[in-house]
Amino acid sequence: MLSKIDYLPASKALIAPKNALAKEVERQCKEYFKDPTWQFDLPIKPAGTEHQKKVWASIQDIPAGRTKTYGEVAKKIKSGPRAVGTACGANPYPLIAPCHRVVSAQGIGGFMKENSPGLYRQIKLWLLKHEGAL
């Protein structure tokens, strides 16, 4: 089972996948990068609190090319926007549960616990552009 997806800086040397699961993750990621509407189908290791799981499940309902605010997600699951943001920041499967599609009511919002310009915010912007949401 897949336990986590990490984003690496472009300067990081890539290595070829060495087992069947890693090869399948690579294949599905390549499909997503060709077609942002690709639906991941990977075995993931259960992780997170019940609240986090509820947030991550809700986020999977946001289609590529669309966004929802932290407040909209919170209202749907009867939570608070900050709690939704915290759960998004703890998401171990950022492409599978696409937390980049959750934005602030005042702008782009944070990504992977980063609330200021940096690598993760650049990734969020790229993903949203890739999907046609920006």
Protein backbone atom coordinates (compact mmCIF):
# COMPACT_ATOMS: atom_id res chain seq x y z
CA MET A 1 0.00 0.00 0.00
CA LEU A 2 1.07 3.56 -0.68
CA SER A 3 1.85 5.35 2.58
CA LYS A 4 2.70 8.86 1.35
CA ILE A 5 3.28 11.08 -1.66
CA ASP A 6 6.02 13.69 -1.38
CA TYR A 7 6.71 16.59 -3.70
CA LEU A 8 10.42 17.04 -4.41
CA PRO A 9 12.24 20.11 -5.69
CA ALA A 10 13.17 20.01 -9.40
CA SER A 11 16.83 19.81 -8.40
CA LYS A 12 16.33 16.40 -6.76
CA ALA A 13 17.67 13.49 -8.82
CA LEU A 14 14.98 10.97 -9.73
CA ILE A 15 15.39 7.23 -9.36
CA ALA A 16 13.56 4.54 -11.29
CA PRO A 17 10.80 2.68 -9.43
CA LYS A 18 12.01 -0.64 -8.10
CA ASN A 19 8.81 -2.55 -7.28
CA ALA A 20 5.39 -3.12 -8.81
CA LEU A 21 3.60 -0.58 -6.61
CA ALA A 22 6.15 2.15 -7.31
CA LYS A 23 5.89 1.44 -11.05
CA GLU A 24 2.09 1.70 -10.87
CA VAL A 25 2.31 5.01 -8.94
CA GLU A 26 4.66 6.32 -11.63
CA ARG A 27 2.32 5.17 -14.40
CA GLN A 28 -0.73 6.77 -12.82
CA CYS A 29 1.11 10.03 -12.10
CA LYS A 30 2.18 10.19 -15.75
CA GLU A 31 -1.46 9.66 -16.77
CA TYR A 32 -2.52 12.55 -14.52
CA PHE A 33 0.16 14.82 -15.98
CA LYS A 34 -1.10 13.99 -19.49
CA ASP A 35 -4.77 14.30 -18.51
CA PRO A 36 -5.72 16.24 -15.35
CA THR A 37 -9.10 14.48 -15.21
CA TRP A 38 -7.33 11.13 -14.62
CA GLN A 39 -8.78 9.24 -11.66
CA PHE A 40 -6.17 7.64 -9.41
CA ASP A 41 -6.78 4.06 -8.35
CA LEU A 42 -3.99 3.18 -5.94
CA PRO A 43 -4.04 1.11 -2.76
CA ILE A 44 -3.42 3.56 0.07
CA LYS A 45 -2.50 2.80 3.64
CA PRO A 46 -5.18 4.07 6.04
CA ALA A 47 -3.98 7.23 7.77
CA GLY A 48 -5.34 10.19 9.70
CA THR A 49 -7.99 10.98 12.25
CA GLU A 50 -11.69 10.51 11.54
CA HIS A 51 -11.99 14.25 10.85
CA GLN A 52 -9.03 14.20 8.45
CA LYS A 53 -10.49 11.21 6.62
CA LYS A 54 -13.81 13.03 6.29
CA VAL A 55 -12.05 16.11 4.83
CA TRP A 56 -9.94 14.02 2.43
CA ALA A 57 -13.00 12.07 1.23
CA SER A 58 -14.91 15.31 0.65
CA ILE A 59 -12.02 16.79 -1.33
CA GLN A 60 -12.01 13.79 -3.66
CA ASP A 61 -15.47 14.92 -4.83
CA ILE A 62 -14.06 18.20 -6.23
CA PRO A 63 -13.57 17.66 -9.97
CA ALA A 64 -10.41 18.70 -11.81
CA GLY A 65 -10.69 22.28 -13.01
CA ARG A 66 -12.85 23.32 -10.06
CA THR A 67 -12.10 24.59 -6.58
CA LYS A 68 -13.95 24.94 -3.30
CA THR A 69 -13.11 27.17 -0.39
CA TYR A 70 -12.13 25.87 3.01
CA GLY A 71 -15.46 27.25 4.20
CA GLU A 72 -17.46 25.37 1.57
CA VAL A 73 -15.78 22.09 2.47
CA ALA A 74 -16.29 22.84 6.18
CA LYS A 75 -19.99 23.53 5.69
CA LYS A 76 -20.44 20.27 3.77
CA ILE A 77 -18.87 18.15 6.52
CA LYS A 78 -20.09 20.29 9.45
CA SER A 79 -16.66 21.51 10.51
CA GLY A 80 -14.72 24.77 10.58
CA PRO A 81 -12.58 26.26 7.80
CA ARG A 82 -9.40 26.23 9.91
CA ALA A 83 -9.93 22.58 10.82
CA VAL A 84 -10.34 21.79 7.12
CA GLY A 85 -7.12 23.69 6.36
CA THR A 86 -5.27 21.79 9.06
CA ALA A 87 -6.51 18.47 7.67
CA CYS A 88 -5.48 19.51 4.15
CA GLY A 89 -1.99 20.32 5.45
CA ALA A 90 -1.74 16.84 6.99
CA ASN A 91 -2.85 15.04 3.81
CA PRO A 92 -0.34 12.24 3.02
CA TYR A 93 -1.84 11.69 -0.47
CA PRO A 94 -1.94 15.18 -2.05
CA LEU A 95 -2.68 14.10 -5.64
CA ILE A 96 -5.10 11.32 -4.70
CA ALA A 97 -7.01 13.53 -2.25
CA PRO A 98 -6.44 16.75 -4.24
CA CYS A 99 -6.18 19.33 -1.46
CA HIS A 100 -4.74 21.78 -3.99
CA ARG A 101 -8.36 22.26 -5.13
CA VAL A 102 -9.25 23.81 -1.76
CA VAL A 103 -8.59 27.54 -1.67
CA SER A 104 -9.10 30.48 0.65
CA ALA A 105 -12.10 32.78 0.20
CA GLN A 106 -9.53 35.59 -0.16
CA GLY A 107 -7.14 33.90 -2.59
CA ILE A 108 -5.10 30.79 -3.22
CA GLY A 109 -4.66 29.72 0.39
CA GLY A 110 -1.92 27.52 1.75
CA PHE A 111 -0.67 24.15 0.62
CA MET A 112 0.98 21.37 2.60
CA LYS A 113 1.38 23.55 5.71
CA GLU A 114 2.95 26.38 3.70
CA ASN A 115 1.07 29.68 3.88
CA SER A 116 3.61 31.90 2.14
CA PRO A 117 5.25 31.81 -1.30
CA GLY A 118 7.56 28.81 -1.62
CA LEU A 119 7.90 25.42 -3.29
CA TYR A 120 4.54 24.03 -2.17
CA ARG A 121 2.56 27.14 -3.11
CA GLN A 122 4.26 27.06 -6.54
CA ILE A 123 3.19 23.42 -6.87
CA LYS A 124 -0.40 24.31 -5.90
CA LEU A 125 -0.49 27.06 -8.52
CA TRP A 126 0.96 24.74 -11.16
CA LEU A 127 -1.54 21.98 -10.38
CA LEU A 128 -4.49 24.39 -10.54
CA LYS A 129 -3.24 25.77 -13.88
CA HIS A 130 -2.67 22.22 -15.17
CA GLU A 131 -6.28 21.38 -14.32
CA GLY A 132 -7.63 24.62 -15.82
CA ALA A 133 -8.84 26.09 -12.53
CA LEU A 134 -6.60 29.16 -12.91
